[in-house]
Amino acid sequence: VQLVESGGGLVQAGGSLRLSCTASGDIFSINTMGWYRQAPGKQREAVATISRSGIRNYADSVKGRFTISRDNAQNTVALLMDSLKPEDTAVYYCAAEILVSRNYEYDYWGQGTQVTVSS
């Protein structure tokens, strides 16, 4: 099983970016999917998560600016980031709780994608 992210890059403050992540491999089902980020010198933090049924949670710092969505049929999760700020600069990681069989669930992480917001 692997998670592959795309969509990072350099954007000016106030701009938008869309991150996408696709899970592939021997997947029985996927529970919660989410996006996390880690800025230089800081700990990794949760940005947004979405359950299989579509329940969303956001960090206070991104509420109203970021939108998480998923496609269960395609095993994908996306993060639309609007009104980006320099403090959003970080490496963004996709994560998912993946069942490889009915009884075995593991946490998987993507390789990370850099998002840089210039002031």
C-alpha atoms as a PDB file:
ATOM      1  CA  VAL A   1       0.000   0.000   0.000  1.00  0.00           C
ATOM      2  CA  GLN A   2       1.264   3.466  -0.773  1.00  0.00           C
ATOM      3  CA  LEU A   3       0.027   7.025  -0.700  1.00  0.00           C
ATOM      4  CA  VAL A   4       1.199   9.396  -3.412  1.00  0.00           C
ATOM      5  CA  GLU A   5       0.704  13.128  -3.075  1.00  0.00           C
ATOM      6  CA  SER A   6       0.774  15.834  -5.703  1.00  0.00           C
ATOM      7  CA  GLY A   7       0.022  19.513  -6.041  1.00  0.00           C
ATOM      8  CA  GLY A   8       2.490  21.313  -3.809  1.00  0.00           C
ATOM      9  CA  GLY A   9       4.488  24.301  -4.958  1.00  0.00           C
ATOM     10  CA  LEU A  10       5.234  27.977  -4.528  1.00  0.00           C
ATOM     11  CA  VAL A  11       2.421  30.511  -4.305  1.00  0.00           C
ATOM     12  CA  GLN A  12       2.068  34.099  -3.219  1.00  0.00           C
ATOM     13  CA  ALA A  13       0.175  35.019  -0.075  1.00  0.00           C
ATOM     14  CA  GLY A  14      -3.546  35.125  -0.758  1.00  0.00           C
ATOM     15  CA  GLY A  15      -3.267  32.503  -3.470  1.00  0.00           C
ATOM     16  CA  SER A  16      -4.605  28.963  -3.688  1.00  0.00           C
ATOM     17  CA  LEU A  17      -3.245  25.468  -4.088  1.00  0.00           C
ATOM     18  CA  ARG A  18      -4.881  22.079  -4.330  1.00  0.00           C
ATOM     19  CA  LEU A  19      -3.196  18.998  -2.932  1.00  0.00           C
ATOM     20  CA  SER A  20      -4.233  15.523  -3.963  1.00  0.00           C
ATOM     21  CA  CYS A  21      -3.379  12.092  -2.600  1.00  0.00           C
ATOM     22  CA  THR A  22      -4.148   8.652  -4.004  1.00  0.00           C
ATOM     23  CA  ALA A  23      -3.924   5.404  -2.099  1.00  0.00           C
ATOM     24  CA  SER A  24      -3.072   2.271  -4.039  1.00  0.00           C
ATOM     25  CA  GLY A  25      -2.221  -1.345  -3.370  1.00  0.00           C
ATOM     26  CA  ASP A  26      -3.958  -4.176  -1.560  1.00  0.00           C
ATOM     27  CA  ILE A  27      -6.720  -2.125   0.071  1.00  0.00           C
ATOM     28  CA  PHE A  28      -9.825  -3.592   1.655  1.00  0.00           C
ATOM     29  CA  SER A  29     -11.214  -0.279   2.877  1.00  0.00           C
ATOM     30  CA  ILE A  30     -10.087   3.143   4.065  1.00  0.00           C
ATOM     31  CA  ASN A  31     -11.332   4.824   7.215  1.00  0.00           C
ATOM     32  CA  THR A  32     -10.152   8.310   8.123  1.00  0.00           C
ATOM     33  CA  MET A  33      -7.967  10.197   5.661  1.00  0.00           C
ATOM     34  CA  GLY A  34      -6.234  13.437   6.396  1.00  0.00           C
ATOM     35  CA  TRP A  35      -3.574  16.020   5.805  1.00  0.00           C
ATOM     36  CA  TYR A  36      -0.813  16.950   8.221  1.00  0.00           C
ATOM     37  CA  ARG A  37       1.992  19.438   7.938  1.00  0.00           C
ATOM     38  CA  GLN A  38       5.392  20.064   9.398  1.00  0.00           C
ATOM     39  CA  ALA A  39       7.148  23.399   9.244  1.00  0.00           C
ATOM     40  CA  PRO A  40      10.901  23.732   9.860  1.00  0.00           C
ATOM     41  CA  GLY A  41      11.672  23.462  13.546  1.00  0.00           C
ATOM     42  CA  LYS A  42       8.111  22.544  14.446  1.00  0.00           C
ATOM     43  CA  GLN A  43       6.254  19.352  15.207  1.00  0.00           C
ATOM     44  CA  ARG A  44       3.953  17.741  12.705  1.00  0.00           C
ATOM     45  CA  GLU A  45       0.382  18.918  13.155  1.00  0.00           C
ATOM     46  CA  ALA A  46      -2.999  17.850  11.871  1.00  0.00           C
ATOM     47  CA  VAL A  47      -4.481  20.185   9.286  1.00  0.00           C
ATOM     48  CA  ALA A  48      -7.696  18.458   8.284  1.00  0.00           C
ATOM     49  CA  THR A  49      -9.240  15.010   8.467  1.00  0.00           C
ATOM     50  CA  ILE A  50     -12.270  13.398   6.875  1.00  0.00           C
ATOM     51  CA  SER A  51     -13.991  10.189   7.840  1.00  0.00           C
ATOM     52  CA  ARG A  52     -15.285   7.646   5.385  1.00  0.00           C
ATOM     53  CA  SER A  53     -18.787   9.043   5.904  1.00  0.00           C
ATOM     54  CA  GLY A  54     -17.583  12.582   5.233  1.00  0.00           C
ATOM     55  CA  ILE A  55     -17.252  14.066   8.708  1.00  0.00           C
ATOM     56  CA  ARG A  56     -14.613  16.785   8.528  1.00  0.00           C
ATOM     57  CA  ASN A  57     -12.359  18.287  11.161  1.00  0.00           C
ATOM     58  CA  TYR A  58     -10.039  21.237  10.695  1.00  0.00           C
ATOM     59  CA  ALA A  59      -7.278  22.870  12.678  1.00  0.00           C
ATOM     60  CA  ASP A  60      -8.395  26.259  13.971  1.00  0.00           C
ATOM     61  CA  SER A  61      -5.648  27.928  11.951  1.00  0.00           C
ATOM     62  CA  VAL A  62      -7.117  26.783   8.636  1.00  0.00           C
ATOM     63  CA  LYS A  63     -10.874  26.865   9.279  1.00  0.00           C
ATOM     64  CA  GLY A  64     -12.670  28.839   6.611  1.00  0.00           C
ATOM     65  CA  ARG A  65      -9.664  28.732   4.272  1.00  0.00           C
ATOM     66  CA  PHE A  66      -9.022  25.030   3.628  1.00  0.00           C
ATOM     67  CA  THR A  67     -11.470  22.397   2.409  1.00  0.00           C
ATOM     68  CA  ILE A  68     -10.864  18.665   2.567  1.00  0.00           C
ATOM     69  CA  SER A  69     -12.700  16.210   0.347  1.00  0.00           C
ATOM     70  CA  ARG A  70     -12.440  12.558  -0.634  1.00  0.00           C
ATOM     71  CA  ASP A  71     -13.572  10.125  -3.259  1.00  0.00           C
ATOM     72  CA  ASN A  72     -14.087   6.704  -1.738  1.00  0.00           C
ATOM     73  CA  ALA A  73     -14.400   4.989  -5.104  1.00  0.00           C
ATOM     74  CA  GLN A  74     -11.039   6.361  -6.233  1.00  0.00           C
ATOM     75  CA  ASN A  75      -9.281   6.133  -2.838  1.00  0.00           C
ATOM     76  CA  THR A  76      -8.322   9.776  -3.050  1.00  0.00           C
ATOM     77  CA  VAL A  77      -8.300  12.720  -0.683  1.00  0.00           C
ATOM     78  CA  ALA A  78      -7.792  16.342  -1.649  1.00  0.00           C
ATOM     79  CA  LEU A  79      -7.082  19.569   0.187  1.00  0.00           C
ATOM     80  CA  LEU A  80      -8.093  22.851  -1.386  1.00  0.00           C
ATOM     81  CA  MET A  81      -6.165  25.670   0.254  1.00  0.00           C
ATOM     82  CA  ASP A  82      -7.381  29.218  -0.262  1.00  0.00           C
ATOM     83  CA  SER A  83      -6.200  32.540   1.158  1.00  0.00           C
ATOM     84  CA  LEU A  84      -2.810  31.053   1.837  1.00  0.00           C
ATOM     85  CA  LYS A  85      -0.534  32.740   4.358  1.00  0.00           C
ATOM     86  CA  PRO A  86       3.244  32.564   4.782  1.00  0.00           C
ATOM     87  CA  GLU A  87       2.676  30.632   8.012  1.00  0.00           C
ATOM     88  CA  ASP A  88       1.080  27.851   5.955  1.00  0.00           C
ATOM     89  CA  THR A  89       4.524  27.080   4.545  1.00  0.00           C
ATOM     90  CA  ALA A  90       5.387  23.486   5.411  1.00  0.00           C
ATOM     91  CA  VAL A  91       5.761  19.990   4.086  1.00  0.00           C
ATOM     92  CA  TYR A  92       2.262  18.553   3.783  1.00  0.00           C
ATOM     93  CA  TYR A  93       1.680  14.845   4.330  1.00  0.00           C
ATOM     94  CA  CYS A  94      -1.278  12.715   3.392  1.00  0.00           C
ATOM     95  CA  ALA A  95      -2.268  10.003   5.875  1.00  0.00           C
ATOM     96  CA  ALA A  96      -4.874   7.267   5.897  1.00  0.00           C
ATOM     97  CA  GLU A  97      -6.172   4.514   8.134  1.00  0.00           C
ATOM     98  CA  ILE A  98      -6.231   1.593   5.716  1.00  0.00           C
ATOM     99  CA  LEU A  99      -7.675  -1.848   6.246  1.00  0.00           C
ATOM    100  CA  VAL A 100      -5.680  -4.398   4.285  1.00  0.00           C
ATOM    101  CA  SER A 101      -8.216  -7.018   5.322  1.00  0.00           C
ATOM    102  CA  ARG A 102     -11.415  -7.027   7.387  1.00  0.00           C
ATOM    103  CA  ASN A 103      -9.499  -7.167  10.676  1.00  0.00           C
ATOM    104  CA  TYR A 104      -6.175  -5.446  10.052  1.00  0.00           C
ATOM    105  CA  GLU A 105      -5.879  -1.667   9.920  1.00  0.00           C
ATOM    106  CA  TYR A 106      -2.657   0.280   9.572  1.00  0.00           C
ATOM    107  CA  ASP A 107      -1.708   3.933   9.357  1.00  0.00           C
ATOM    108  CA  TYR A 108       0.006   4.906   6.121  1.00  0.00           C
ATOM    109  CA  TRP A 109       1.751   8.147   5.199  1.00  0.00           C
ATOM    110  CA  GLY A 110       2.689   9.776   1.950  1.00  0.00           C
ATOM    111  CA  GLN A 111       6.156  11.049   1.180  1.00  0.00           C
ATOM    112  CA  GLY A 112       5.212  14.684   1.672  1.00  0.00           C
ATOM    113  CA  THR A 113       4.884  17.635  -0.676  1.00  0.00           C
ATOM    114  CA  GLN A 114       6.352  21.082  -0.116  1.00  0.00           C
ATOM    115  CA  VAL A 115       4.056  24.090   0.062  1.00  0.00           C
ATOM    116  CA  THR A 116       5.756  27.475   0.164  1.00  0.00           C
ATOM    117  CA  VAL A 117       3.811  30.709   0.533  1.00  0.00           C
ATOM    118  CA  SER A 118       5.718  33.896  -0.176  1.00  0.00           C
ATOM    119  CA  SER A 119       4.791  37.207   1.379  1.00  0.00           C
END
